[in-house]
């Protein structure tokens, strides 16, 4: 018997920040932690707490059978570098993932740091 695939989304009680090249790209105390079977936990940041002026929409999209369709974003750094598909967002997630609607999550290997502090 195998365990069912699970996606659990919980409010994260800590301060979450994304920092790249010394610039804070996202800073929230209203984030979420998404726990999905077989994957590392992912932090989601409300767009209101992300410096969206540094991001541009990518043509990349993916589909998750548990969360819905994801849109991706490129990051334009202070020195003009563009980091491809650094973040993603579920803009119309399935009802079971509604808590992360319009939030951004970041690939930890494409930014310098994602911090969780008290």
PDB file of N, CA and C in Angstrom:
ATOM      1  N   UNK A   1       0.847  -1.189   0.000  1.00  0.00           N
ATOM      2  CA  UNK A   1       0.000   0.000   0.000  1.00  0.00           C
ATOM      3  C   UNK A   1       0.885   1.242   0.000  1.00  0.00           C
ATOM      4  N   UNK A   2       0.628   2.163  -0.907  1.00  0.00           N
ATOM      5  CA  UNK A   2       1.414   3.390  -0.983  1.00  0.00           C
ATOM      6  C   UNK A   2       0.652   4.542  -0.343  1.00  0.00           C
ATOM      7  N   UNK A   3       1.417   5.491   0.142  1.00  0.00           N
ATOM      8  CA  UNK A   3       0.798   6.685   0.731  1.00  0.00           C
ATOM      9  C   UNK A   3       0.279   7.585  -0.385  1.00  0.00           C
ATOM     10  N   UNK A   4      -0.805   8.251  -0.134  1.00  0.00           N
ATOM     11  CA  UNK A   4      -1.370   9.185  -1.102  1.00  0.00           C
ATOM     12  C   UNK A   4      -0.478  10.419  -1.200  1.00  0.00           C
ATOM     13  N   UNK A   5      -0.467  11.013  -2.363  1.00  0.00           N
ATOM     14  CA  UNK A   5       0.281  12.265  -2.561  1.00  0.00           C
ATOM     15  C   UNK A   5      -0.427  13.363  -1.790  1.00  0.00           C
ATOM     16  N   UNK A   6       0.358  14.163  -1.079  1.00  0.00           N
ATOM     17  CA  UNK A   6      -0.220  15.233  -0.266  1.00  0.00           C
ATOM     18  C   UNK A   6       0.413  16.563  -0.621  1.00  0.00           C
ATOM     19  N   UNK A   7      -0.400  17.603  -0.574  1.00  0.00           N
ATOM     20  CA  UNK A   7       0.066  18.983  -0.658  1.00  0.00           C
ATOM     21  C   UNK A   7      -0.575  19.710   0.511  1.00  0.00           C
ATOM     22  N   UNK A   8       0.266  20.119   1.449  1.00  0.00           N
ATOM     23  CA  UNK A   8      -0.223  20.843   2.619  1.00  0.00           C
ATOM     24  C   UNK A   8       0.359  22.250   2.593  1.00  0.00           C
ATOM     25  N   UNK A   9      -0.486  23.241   2.809  1.00  0.00           N
ATOM     26  CA  UNK A   9      -0.063  24.640   2.807  1.00  0.00           C
ATOM     27  C   UNK A   9      -0.405  25.225   4.175  1.00  0.00           C
ATOM     28  N   UNK A  10       0.636  25.760   4.823  1.00  0.00           N
ATOM     29  CA  UNK A  10       0.445  26.301   6.169  1.00  0.00           C
ATOM     30  C   UNK A  10       0.966  27.735   6.226  1.00  0.00           C
ATOM     31  N   UNK A  11       0.282  28.613   6.956  1.00  0.00           N
ATOM     32  CA  UNK A  11       0.863  29.934   7.191  1.00  0.00           C
ATOM     33  C   UNK A  11       2.208  29.752   7.901  1.00  0.00           C
ATOM     34  N   UNK A  12       3.206  30.507   7.474  1.00  0.00           N
ATOM     35  CA  UNK A  12       4.515  30.428   8.105  1.00  0.00           C
ATOM     36  C   UNK A  12       4.614  31.561   9.129  1.00  0.00           C
ATOM     37  N   UNK A  13       4.842  31.239  10.405  1.00  0.00           N
ATOM     38  CA  UNK A  13       4.837  32.271  11.448  1.00  0.00           C
ATOM     39  C   UNK A  13       6.114  33.095  11.508  1.00  0.00           C
ATOM     40  N   UNK A  14       7.101  32.791  10.661  1.00  0.00           N
ATOM     41  CA  UNK A  14       8.392  33.460  10.709  1.00  0.00           C
ATOM     42  C   UNK A  14       8.516  34.546   9.643  1.00  0.00           C
ATOM     43  N   UNK A  15       9.530  35.351   9.780  1.00  0.00           N
ATOM     44  CA  UNK A  15       9.877  36.323   8.740  1.00  0.00           C
ATOM     45  C   UNK A  15      10.631  35.569   7.644  1.00  0.00           C
ATOM     46  N   UNK A  16      10.208  35.767   6.411  1.00  0.00           N
ATOM     47  CA  UNK A  16      10.842  35.138   5.251  1.00  0.00           C
ATOM     48  C   UNK A  16      11.409  36.238   4.363  1.00  0.00           C
ATOM     49  N   UNK A  17      12.632  36.016   3.852  1.00  0.00           N
ATOM     50  CA  UNK A  17      13.238  36.992   2.956  1.00  0.00           C
ATOM     51  C   UNK A  17      13.981  36.280   1.838  1.00  0.00           C
ATOM     52  N   UNK A  18      13.985  36.914   0.673  1.00  0.00           N
ATOM     53  CA  UNK A  18      14.792  36.477  -0.454  1.00  0.00           C
ATOM     54  C   UNK A  18      15.785  37.586  -0.741  1.00  0.00           C
ATOM     55  N   UNK A  19      17.072  37.227  -0.776  1.00  0.00           N
ATOM     56  CA  UNK A  19      18.130  38.217  -0.978  1.00  0.00           C
ATOM     57  C   UNK A  19      19.020  37.750  -2.122  1.00  0.00           C
ATOM     58  N   UNK A  20      19.310  38.686  -3.033  1.00  0.00           N
ATOM     59  CA  UNK A  20      20.224  38.377  -4.136  1.00  0.00           C
ATOM     60  C   UNK A  20      21.086  39.605  -4.417  1.00  0.00           C
ATOM     61  N   UNK A  21      22.393  39.387  -4.496  1.00  0.00           N
ATOM     62  CA  UNK A  21      23.362  40.475  -4.729  1.00  0.00           C
ATOM     63  C   UNK A  21      23.182  41.616  -3.735  1.00  0.00           C
ATOM     64  N   UNK A  22      22.899  41.258  -2.477  1.00  0.00           N
ATOM     65  CA  UNK A  22      22.758  42.258  -1.429  1.00  0.00           C
ATOM     66  C   UNK A  22      21.437  43.002  -1.424  1.00  0.00           C
ATOM     67  N   UNK A  23      20.530  42.680  -2.349  1.00  0.00           N
ATOM     68  CA  UNK A  23      19.235  43.359  -2.453  1.00  0.00           C
ATOM     69  C   UNK A  23      18.141  42.423  -1.920  1.00  0.00           C
ATOM     70  N   UNK A  24      17.273  42.947  -1.070  1.00  0.00           N
ATOM     71  CA  UNK A  24      16.130  42.175  -0.592  1.00  0.00           C
ATOM     72  C   UNK A  24      15.038  42.242  -1.648  1.00  0.00           C
ATOM     73  N   UNK A  25      14.718  41.093  -2.228  1.00  0.00           N
ATOM     74  CA  UNK A  25      13.704  41.007  -3.280  1.00  0.00           C
ATOM     75  C   UNK A  25      12.317  40.748  -2.716  1.00  0.00           C
ATOM     76  N   UNK A  26      12.272  40.058  -1.587  1.00  0.00           N
ATOM     77  CA  UNK A  26      10.992  39.730  -0.952  1.00  0.00           C
ATOM     78  C   UNK A  26      11.206  39.698   0.554  1.00  0.00           C
ATOM     79  N   UNK A  27      10.220  40.190   1.284  1.00  0.00           N
ATOM     80  CA  UNK A  27      10.323  40.260   2.743  1.00  0.00           C
ATOM     81  C   UNK A  27       8.893  40.206   3.283  1.00  0.00           C
ATOM     82  N   UNK A  28       8.588  39.133   4.003  1.00  0.00           N
ATOM     83  CA  UNK A  28       7.210  38.991   4.487  1.00  0.00           C
ATOM     84  C   UNK A  28       7.163  38.307   5.844  1.00  0.00           C
ATOM     85  N   UNK A  29       6.120  38.606   6.579  1.00  0.00           N
ATOM     86  CA  UNK A  29       5.768  37.847   7.774  1.00  0.00           C
ATOM     87  C   UNK A  29       4.374  37.245   7.553  1.00  0.00           C
ATOM     88  N   UNK A  30       3.962  37.207   6.266  1.00  0.00           N
ATOM     89  CA  UNK A  30       2.645  36.662   5.890  1.00  0.00           C
ATOM     90  C   UNK A  30       2.788  35.538   4.871  1.00  0.00           C
ATOM     91  N   UNK A  31       3.939  34.868   4.881  1.00  0.00           N
ATOM     92  CA  UNK A  31       4.203  33.833   3.892  1.00  0.00           C
ATOM     93  C   UNK A  31       3.569  32.491   4.227  1.00  0.00           C
ATOM     94  N   UNK A  32       3.773  31.560   3.327  1.00  0.00           N
ATOM     95  CA  UNK A  32       3.261  30.201   3.476  1.00  0.00           C
ATOM     96  C   UNK A  32       4.383  29.201   3.239  1.00  0.00           C
ATOM     97  N   UNK A  33       4.259  28.048   3.882  1.00  0.00           N
ATOM     98  CA  UNK A  33       5.133  26.921   3.603  1.00  0.00           C
ATOM     99  C   UNK A  33       4.284  25.852   2.935  1.00  0.00           C
ATOM    100  N   UNK A  34       4.730  25.417   1.750  1.00  0.00           N
ATOM    101  CA  UNK A  34       4.040  24.353   1.039  1.00  0.00           C
ATOM    102  C   UNK A  34       4.855  23.083   1.201  1.00  0.00           C
ATOM    103  N   UNK A  35       4.215  22.050   1.721  1.00  0.00           N
ATOM    104  CA  UNK A  35       4.847  20.746   1.921  1.00  0.00           C
ATOM    105  C   UNK A  35       4.176  19.768   0.974  1.00  0.00           C
ATOM    106  N   UNK A  36       4.976  19.203   0.076  1.00  0.00           N
ATOM    107  CA  UNK A  36       4.436  18.281  -0.922  1.00  0.00           C
ATOM    108  C   UNK A  36       5.203  16.967  -0.862  1.00  0.00           C
ATOM    109  N   UNK A  37       4.475  15.893  -0.948  1.00  0.00           N
ATOM    110  CA  UNK A  37       5.056  14.565  -0.878  1.00  0.00           C
ATOM    111  C   UNK A  37       6.237  14.446  -1.838  1.00  0.00           C
ATOM    112  N   UNK A  38       7.373  14.032  -1.294  1.00  0.00           N
ATOM    113  CA  UNK A  38       8.553  13.764  -2.103  1.00  0.00           C
ATOM    114  C   UNK A  38       9.372  14.978  -2.496  1.00  0.00           C
ATOM    115  N   UNK A  39       8.963  16.183  -2.081  1.00  0.00           N
ATOM    116  CA  UNK A  39       9.679  17.401  -2.459  1.00  0.00           C
ATOM    117  C   UNK A  39      10.093  18.183  -1.213  1.00  0.00           C
ATOM    118  N   UNK A  40      11.099  19.052  -1.371  1.00  0.00           N
ATOM    119  CA  UNK A  40      11.495  19.937  -0.278  1.00  0.00           C
ATOM    120  C   UNK A  40      10.402  20.972  -0.030  1.00  0.00           C
ATOM    121  N   UNK A  41      10.316  21.441   1.210  1.00  0.00           N
ATOM    122  CA  UNK A  41       9.370  22.509   1.534  1.00  0.00           C
ATOM    123  C   UNK A  41       9.690  23.746   0.695  1.00  0.00           C
ATOM    124  N   UNK A  42       8.648  24.484   0.321  1.00  0.00           N
ATOM    125  CA  UNK A  42       8.800  25.694  -0.485  1.00  0.00           C
ATOM    126  C   UNK A  42       8.091  26.843   0.226  1.00  0.00           C
ATOM    127  N   UNK A  43       8.771  28.001   0.289  1.00  0.00           N
ATOM    128  CA  UNK A  43       8.175  29.201   0.871  1.00  0.00           C
ATOM    129  C   UNK A  43       7.499  30.004  -0.236  1.00  0.00           C
ATOM    130  N   UNK A  44       6.291  30.480   0.039  1.00  0.00           N
ATOM    131  CA  UNK A  44       5.547  31.334  -0.891  1.00  0.00           C
ATOM    132  C   UNK A  44       5.369  32.706  -0.261  1.00  0.00           C
ATOM    133  N   UNK A  45       5.603  33.739  -1.081  1.00  0.00           N
ATOM    134  CA  UNK A  45       5.563  35.140  -0.652  1.00  0.00           C
ATOM    135  C   UNK A  45       4.408  35.858  -1.324  1.00  0.00           C
ATOM    136  N   UNK A  46       3.530  36.537  -0.562  1.00  0.00           N
ATOM    137  CA  UNK A  46       2.490  37.352  -1.203  1.00  0.00           C
ATOM    138  C   UNK A  46       3.135  38.390  -2.116  1.00  0.00           C
ATOM    139  N   UNK A  47       2.541  38.622  -3.275  1.00  0.00           N
ATOM    140  CA  UNK A  47       3.125  39.583  -4.222  1.00  0.00           C
ATOM    141  C   UNK A  47       3.304  40.967  -3.622  1.00  0.00           C
ATOM    142  N   UNK A  48       2.427  41.351  -2.705  1.00  0.00           N
ATOM    143  CA  UNK A  48       2.537  42.667  -2.080  1.00  0.00           C
ATOM    144  C   UNK A  48       3.852  42.811  -1.319  1.00  0.00           C
ATOM    145  N   UNK A  49       4.478  41.686  -0.974  1.00  0.00           N
ATOM    146  CA  UNK A  49       5.719  41.700  -0.199  1.00  0.00           C
ATOM    147  C   UNK A  49       6.940  41.346  -1.064  1.00  0.00           C
ATOM    148  N   UNK A  50       6.767  41.397  -2.378  1.00  0.00           N
ATOM    149  CA  UNK A  50       7.844  41.126  -3.337  1.00  0.00           C
ATOM    150  C   UNK A  50       8.061  42.400  -4.154  1.00  0.00           C
ATOM    151  N   UNK A  51       9.316  42.754  -4.397  1.00  0.00           N
ATOM    152  CA  UNK A  51       9.627  43.916  -5.233  1.00  0.00           C
ATOM    153  C   UNK A  51       9.411  43.520  -6.691  1.00  0.00           C
ATOM    154  N   UNK A  52       8.170  43.568  -7.150  1.00  0.00           N
ATOM    155  CA  UNK A  52       7.799  43.085  -8.483  1.00  0.00           C
ATOM    156  C   UNK A  52       8.400  43.927  -9.610  1.00  0.00           C
ATOM    157  N   UNK A  53       8.910  45.135  -9.308  1.00  0.00           N
ATOM    158  CA  UNK A  53       9.510  45.957 -10.361  1.00  0.00           C
ATOM    159  C   UNK A  53      10.771  45.303 -10.924  1.00  0.00           C
ATOM    160  N   UNK A  54      11.351  44.380 -10.211  1.00  0.00           N
ATOM    161  CA  UNK A  54      12.559  43.688 -10.672  1.00  0.00           C
ATOM    162  C   UNK A  54      12.250  42.426 -11.486  1.00  0.00           C
ATOM    163  N   UNK A  55      10.982  42.090 -11.621  1.00  0.00           N
ATOM    164  CA  UNK A  55      10.608  40.836 -12.279  1.00  0.00           C
ATOM    165  C   UNK A  55       9.834  41.091 -13.562  1.00  0.00           C
ATOM    166  N   UNK A  56      10.056  40.220 -14.528  1.00  0.00           N
ATOM    167  CA  UNK A  56       9.262  40.255 -15.759  1.00  0.00           C
ATOM    168  C   UNK A  56       8.750  38.841 -16.029  1.00  0.00           C
ATOM    169  N   UNK A  57       7.568  38.791 -16.591  1.00  0.00           N
ATOM    170  CA  UNK A  57       6.932  37.500 -16.853  1.00  0.00           C
ATOM    171  C   UNK A  57       7.712  36.757 -17.935  1.00  0.00           C
ATOM    172  N   UNK A  58       7.890  35.489 -17.713  1.00  0.00           N
ATOM    173  CA  UNK A  58       8.537  34.589 -18.666  1.00  0.00           C
ATOM    174  C   UNK A  58       7.463  33.952 -19.549  1.00  0.00           C
ATOM    175  N   UNK A  59       7.871  33.386 -20.660  1.00  0.00           N
ATOM    176  CA  UNK A  59       6.939  32.610 -21.489  1.00  0.00           C
ATOM    177  C   UNK A  59       6.755  31.196 -20.945  1.00  0.00           C
ATOM    178  N   UNK A  60       7.561  30.820 -19.964  1.00  0.00           N
ATOM    179  CA  UNK A  60       7.524  29.465 -19.417  1.00  0.00           C
ATOM    180  C   UNK A  60       6.288  29.256 -18.547  1.00  0.00           C
ATOM    181  N   UNK A  61       5.653  28.132 -18.733  1.00  0.00           N
ATOM    182  CA  UNK A  61       4.555  27.692 -17.864  1.00  0.00           C
ATOM    183  C   UNK A  61       4.735  26.198 -17.616  1.00  0.00           C
ATOM    184  N   UNK A  62       4.229  25.733 -16.503  1.00  0.00           N
ATOM    185  CA  UNK A  62       4.217  24.298 -16.211  1.00  0.00           C
ATOM    186  C   UNK A  62       2.868  23.950 -15.608  1.00  0.00           C
ATOM    187  N   UNK A  63       2.581  22.668 -15.579  1.00  0.00           N
ATOM    188  CA  UNK A  63       1.323  22.201 -14.996  1.00  0.00           C
ATOM    189  C   UNK A  63       1.627  21.205 -13.884  1.00  0.00           C
ATOM    190  N   UNK A  64       0.998  21.408 -12.756  1.00  0.00           N
ATOM    191  CA  UNK A  64       1.066  20.465 -11.636  1.00  0.00           C
ATOM    192  C   UNK A  64      -0.324  19.863 -11.455  1.00  0.00           C
ATOM    193  N   UNK A  65      -0.434  18.547 -11.425  1.00  0.00           N
ATOM    194  CA  UNK A  65      -1.760  17.939 -11.262  1.00  0.00           C
ATOM    195  C   UNK A  65      -2.390  18.212  -9.897  1.00  0.00           C
ATOM    196  N   UNK A  66      -1.612  18.743  -8.953  1.00  0.00           N
ATOM    197  CA  UNK A  66      -2.119  18.993  -7.602  1.00  0.00           C
ATOM    198  C   UNK A  66      -2.382  20.469  -7.314  1.00  0.00           C
ATOM    199  N   UNK A  67      -1.665  21.360  -8.030  1.00  0.00           N
ATOM    200  CA  UNK A  67      -1.795  22.792  -7.751  1.00  0.00           C
ATOM    201  C   UNK A  67      -2.346  23.585  -8.931  1.00  0.00           C
ATOM    202  N   UNK A  68      -2.137  23.134 -10.155  1.00  0.00           N
ATOM    203  CA  UNK A  68      -2.630  23.848 -11.330  1.00  0.00           C
ATOM    204  C   UNK A  68      -1.490  24.310 -12.221  1.00  0.00           C
ATOM    205  N   UNK A  69      -1.712  25.408 -12.942  1.00  0.00           N
ATOM    206  CA  UNK A  69      -0.740  25.935 -13.897  1.00  0.00           C
ATOM    207  C   UNK A  69       0.103  27.026 -13.245  1.00  0.00           C
ATOM    208  N   UNK A  70       1.418  26.927 -13.434  1.00  0.00           N
ATOM    209  CA  UNK A  70       2.347  27.902 -12.872  1.00  0.00           C
ATOM    210  C   UNK A  70       2.893  28.798 -13.975  1.00  0.00           C
ATOM    211  N   UNK A  71       3.017  30.080 -13.657  1.00  0.00           N
ATOM    212  CA  UNK A  71       3.670  31.067 -14.519  1.00  0.00           C
ATOM    213  C   UNK A  71       5.021  31.389 -13.899  1.00  0.00           C
ATOM    214  N   UNK A  72       5.988  31.725 -14.749  1.00  0.00           N
ATOM    215  CA  UNK A  72       7.351  31.964 -14.275  1.00  0.00           C
ATOM    216  C   UNK A  72       7.777  33.402 -14.522  1.00  0.00           C
ATOM    217  N   UNK A  73       8.803  33.831 -13.762  1.00  0.00           N
ATOM    218  CA  UNK A  73       9.286  35.200 -13.821  1.00  0.00           C
ATOM    219  C   UNK A  73      10.808  35.228 -13.866  1.00  0.00           C
ATOM    220  N   UNK A  74      11.341  36.171 -14.675  1.00  0.00           N
ATOM    221  CA  UNK A  74      12.772  36.434 -14.734  1.00  0.00           C
ATOM    222  C   UNK A  74      13.078  37.570 -13.757  1.00  0.00           C
ATOM    223  N   UNK A  75      14.299  37.572 -13.232  1.00  0.00           N
ATOM    224  CA  UNK A  75      14.772  38.628 -12.339  1.00  0.00           C
ATOM    225  C   UNK A  75      15.792  39.485 -13.076  1.00  0.00           C
ATOM    226  N   UNK A  76      15.606  40.781 -13.032  1.00  0.00           N
ATOM    227  CA  UNK A  76      16.591  41.729 -13.554  1.00  0.00           C
ATOM    228  C   UNK A  76      17.356  42.289 -12.351  1.00  0.00           C
ATOM    229  N   UNK A  77      18.661  42.023 -12.303  1.00  0.00           N
ATOM    230  CA  UNK A  77      19.471  42.440 -11.164  1.00  0.00           C
ATOM    231  C   UNK A  77      19.900  43.899 -11.301  1.00  0.00           C
ATOM    232  N   UNK A  78      20.493  44.412 -10.257  1.00  0.00           N
ATOM    233  CA  UNK A  78      20.966  45.799 -10.208  1.00  0.00           C
ATOM    234  C   UNK A  78      21.937  46.112 -11.349  1.00  0.00           C
ATOM    235  N   UNK A  79      22.768  45.122 -11.706  1.00  0.00           N
ATOM    236  CA  UNK A  79      23.771  45.349 -12.762  1.00  0.00           C
ATOM    237  C   UNK A  79      23.269  44.963 -14.156  1.00  0.00           C
ATOM    238  N   UNK A  80      21.967  44.732 -14.283  1.00  0.00           N
ATOM    239  CA  UNK A  80      21.375  44.458 -15.589  1.00  0.00           C
ATOM    240  C   UNK A  80      21.348  43.000 -16.013  1.00  0.00           C
ATOM    241  N   UNK A  81      21.903  42.117 -15.193  1.00  0.00           N
ATOM    242  CA  UNK A  81      21.854  40.684 -15.494  1.00  0.00           C
ATOM    243  C   UNK A  81      20.402  40.203 -15.406  1.00  0.00           C
ATOM    244  N   UNK A  82      20.037  39.248 -16.256  1.00  0.00           N
ATOM    245  CA  UNK A  82      18.708  38.653 -16.177  1.00  0.00           C
ATOM    246  C   UNK A  82      18.877  37.196 -15.763  1.00  0.00           C
ATOM    247  N   UNK A  83      18.254  36.830 -14.661  1.00  0.00           N
ATOM    248  CA  UNK A  83      18.263  35.448 -14.199  1.00  0.00           C
ATOM    249  C   UNK A  83      16.947  34.836 -14.646  1.00  0.00           C
ATOM    250  N   UNK A  84      17.050  33.860 -15.515  1.00  0.00           N
ATOM    251  CA  UNK A  84      15.882  33.251 -16.145  1.00  0.00           C
ATOM    252  C   UNK A  84      15.053  32.432 -15.142  1.00  0.00           C
ATOM    253  N   UNK A  85      13.749  32.570 -15.218  1.00  0.00           N
ATOM    254  CA  UNK A  85      12.810  31.721 -14.475  1.00  0.00           C
ATOM    255  C   UNK A  85      13.224  31.511 -13.015  1.00  0.00           C
ATOM    256  N   UNK A  86      13.456  32.609 -12.321  1.00  0.00           N
ATOM    257  CA  UNK A  86      13.910  32.560 -10.937  1.00  0.00           C
ATOM    258  C   UNK A  86      12.761  32.287  -9.960  1.00  0.00           C
ATOM    259  N   UNK A  87      11.545  32.614 -10.372  1.00  0.00           N
ATOM    260  CA  UNK A  87      10.389  32.484  -9.482  1.00  0.00           C
ATOM    261  C   UNK A  87       9.184  31.994 -10.265  1.00  0.00           C
ATOM    262  N   UNK A  88       8.214  31.452  -9.529  1.00  0.00           N
ATOM    263  CA  UNK A  88       6.976  31.009 -10.174  1.00  0.00           C
ATOM    264  C   UNK A  88       5.786  31.360  -9.294  1.00  0.00           C
ATOM    265  N   UNK A  89       4.606  31.317  -9.919  1.00  0.00           N
ATOM    266  CA  UNK A  89       3.380  31.701  -9.232  1.00  0.00           C
ATOM    267  C   UNK A  89       2.208  30.917  -9.791  1.00  0.00           C
ATOM    268  N   UNK A  90       1.307  30.533  -8.929  1.00  0.00           N
ATOM    269  CA  UNK A  90       0.039  29.919  -9.345  1.00  0.00           C
ATOM    270  C   UNK A  90      -1.019  31.011  -9.282  1.00  0.00           C
ATOM    271  N   UNK A  91      -1.385  31.542 -10.439  1.00  0.00           N
ATOM    272  CA  UNK A  91      -2.309  32.669 -10.476  1.00  0.00           C
ATOM    273  C   UNK A  91      -3.769  32.235 -10.419  1.00  0.00           C
ATOM    274  N   UNK A  92      -4.027  31.007 -10.836  1.00  0.00           N
ATOM    275  CA  UNK A  92      -5.377  30.424 -10.744  1.00  0.00           C
ATOM    276  C   UNK A  92      -5.254  28.981 -10.269  1.00  0.00           C
ATOM    277  N   UNK A  93      -4.793  28.796  -9.037  1.00  0.00           N
ATOM    278  CA  UNK A  93      -4.563  27.427  -8.558  1.00  0.00           C
ATOM    279  C   UNK A  93      -5.870  26.675  -8.334  1.00  0.00           C
ATOM    280  N   UNK A  94      -5.738  25.374  -8.226  1.00  0.00           N
ATOM    281  CA  UNK A  94      -6.888  24.571  -7.838  1.00  0.00           C
ATOM    282  C   UNK A  94      -7.350  25.018  -6.447  1.00  0.00           C
ATOM    283  N   UNK A  95      -8.600  24.763  -6.143  1.00  0.00           N
ATOM    284  CA  UNK A  95      -9.170  25.204  -4.866  1.00  0.00           C
ATOM    285  C   UNK A  95      -8.355  24.703  -3.674  1.00  0.00           C
ATOM    286  N   UNK A  96      -7.805  23.509  -3.777  1.00  0.00           N
ATOM    287  CA  UNK A  96      -7.027  22.939  -2.666  1.00  0.00           C
ATOM    288  C   UNK A  96      -5.723  23.707  -2.418  1.00  0.00           C
ATOM    289  N   UNK A  97      -5.290  24.519  -3.386  1.00  0.00           N
ATOM    290  CA  UNK A  97      -4.058  25.301  -3.244  1.00  0.00           C
ATOM    291  C   UNK A  97      -4.350  26.804  -3.265  1.00  0.00           C
ATOM    292  N   UNK A  98      -5.579  27.194  -2.980  1.00  0.00           N
ATOM    293  CA  UNK A  98      -6.000  28.597  -3.081  1.00  0.00           C
ATOM    294  C   UNK A  98      -5.166  29.536  -2.207  1.00  0.00           C
ATOM    295  N   UNK A  99      -4.594  29.051  -1.120  1.00  0.00           N
ATOM    296  CA  UNK A  99      -3.821  29.915  -0.212  1.00  0.00           C
ATOM    297  C   UNK A  99      -2.618  30.547  -0.905  1.00  0.00           C
ATOM    298  N   UNK A 100      -2.067  29.897  -1.933  1.00  0.00           N
ATOM    299  CA  UNK A 100      -0.871  30.434  -2.590  1.00  0.00           C
ATOM    300  C   UNK A 100      -1.188  31.212  -3.865  1.00  0.00           C
ATOM    301  N   UNK A 101      -2.467  31.476  -4.097  1.00  0.00           N
ATOM    302  CA  UNK A 101      -2.849  32.254  -5.282  1.00  0.00           C
ATOM    303  C   UNK A 101      -2.097  33.584  -5.300  1.00  0.00           C
ATOM    304  N   UNK A 102      -1.466  33.874  -6.444  1.00  0.00           N
ATOM    305  CA  UNK A 102      -0.736  35.130  -6.647  1.00  0.00           C
ATOM    306  C   UNK A 102       0.453  35.331  -5.716  1.00  0.00           C
ATOM    307  N   UNK A 103       0.904  34.279  -5.052  1.00  0.00           N
ATOM    308  CA  UNK A 103       2.147  34.352  -4.290  1.00  0.00           C
ATOM    309  C   UNK A 103       3.294  33.929  -5.205  1.00  0.00           C
ATOM    310  N   UNK A 104       4.513  34.318  -4.862  1.00  0.00           N
ATOM    311  CA  UNK A 104       5.700  33.891  -5.596  1.00  0.00           C
ATOM    312  C   UNK A 104       6.531  32.954  -4.740  1.00  0.00           C
ATOM    313  N   UNK A 105       7.097  31.961  -5.403  1.00  0.00           N
ATOM    314  CA  UNK A 105       8.085  31.075  -4.794  1.00  0.00           C
ATOM    315  C   UNK A 105       9.355  31.193  -5.624  1.00  0.00           C
ATOM    316  N   UNK A 106      10.500  30.944  -5.000  1.00  0.00           N
ATOM    317  CA  UNK A 106      11.788  31.161  -5.642  1.00  0.00           C
ATOM    318  C   UNK A 106      12.612  29.879  -5.662  1.00  0.00           C
ATOM    319  N   UNK A 107      13.338  29.674  -6.754  1.00  0.00           N
ATOM    320  CA  UNK A 107      14.299  28.587  -6.817  1.00  0.00           C
ATOM    321  C   UNK A 107      15.495  28.982  -5.954  1.00  0.00           C
ATOM    322  N   UNK A 108      15.751  28.236  -4.888  1.00  0.00           N
ATOM    323  CA  UNK A 108      16.822  28.597  -3.951  1.00  0.00           C
ATOM    324  C   UNK A 108      18.193  28.598  -4.616  1.00  0.00           C
ATOM    325  N   UNK A 109      18.377  27.781  -5.647  1.00  0.00           N
ATOM    326  CA  UNK A 109      19.679  27.728  -6.313  1.00  0.00           C
ATOM    327  C   UNK A 109      19.894  28.892  -7.291  1.00  0.00           C
ATOM    328  N   UNK A 110      18.882  29.722  -7.519  1.00  0.00           N
ATOM    329  CA  UNK A 110      19.008  30.843  -8.455  1.00  0.00           C
ATOM    330  C   UNK A 110      19.095  32.204  -7.771  1.00  0.00           C
ATOM    331  N   UNK A 111      18.950  32.216  -6.448  1.00  0.00           N
ATOM    332  CA  UNK A 111      19.140  33.440  -5.661  1.00  0.00           C
ATOM    333  C   UNK A 111      20.203  33.152  -4.597  1.00  0.00           C
ATOM    334  N   UNK A 112      20.746  34.206  -4.004  1.00  0.00           N
ATOM    335  CA  UNK A 112      21.808  33.999  -3.014  1.00  0.00           C
ATOM    336  C   UNK A 112      21.292  33.377  -1.721  1.00  0.00           C
ATOM    337  N   UNK A 113      20.140  33.868  -1.236  1.00  0.00           N
ATOM    338  CA  UNK A 113      19.640  33.369   0.044  1.00  0.00           C
ATOM    339  C   UNK A 113      18.129  33.438   0.121  1.00  0.00           C
ATOM    340  N   UNK A 114      17.562  32.459   0.790  1.00  0.00           N
ATOM    341  CA  UNK A 114      16.167  32.520   1.229  1.00  0.00           C
ATOM    342  C   UNK A 114      16.235  32.256   2.729  1.00  0.00           C
ATOM    343  N   UNK A 115      15.911  33.291   3.513  1.00  0.00           N
ATOM    344  CA  UNK A 115      16.035  33.216   4.965  1.00  0.00           C
ATOM    345  C   UNK A 115      14.690  33.036   5.637  1.00  0.00           C
ATOM    346  N   UNK A 116      14.703  32.273   6.706  1.00  0.00           N
ATOM    347  CA  UNK A 116      13.557  32.157   7.605  1.00  0.00           C
ATOM    348  C   UNK A 116      14.076  32.493   8.995  1.00  0.00           C
ATOM    349  N   UNK A 117      13.585  33.593   9.561  1.00  0.00           N
ATOM    350  CA  UNK A 117      14.044  34.023  10.882  1.00  0.00           C
ATOM    351  C   UNK A 117      12.845  34.247  11.786  1.00  0.00           C
ATOM    352  N   UNK A 118      13.133  34.463  13.068  1.00  0.00           N
ATOM    353  CA  UNK A 118      12.026  34.651  14.018  1.00  0.00           C
ATOM    354  C   UNK A 118      11.396  36.014  13.903  1.00  0.00           C
TER     355      UNK A 118
END
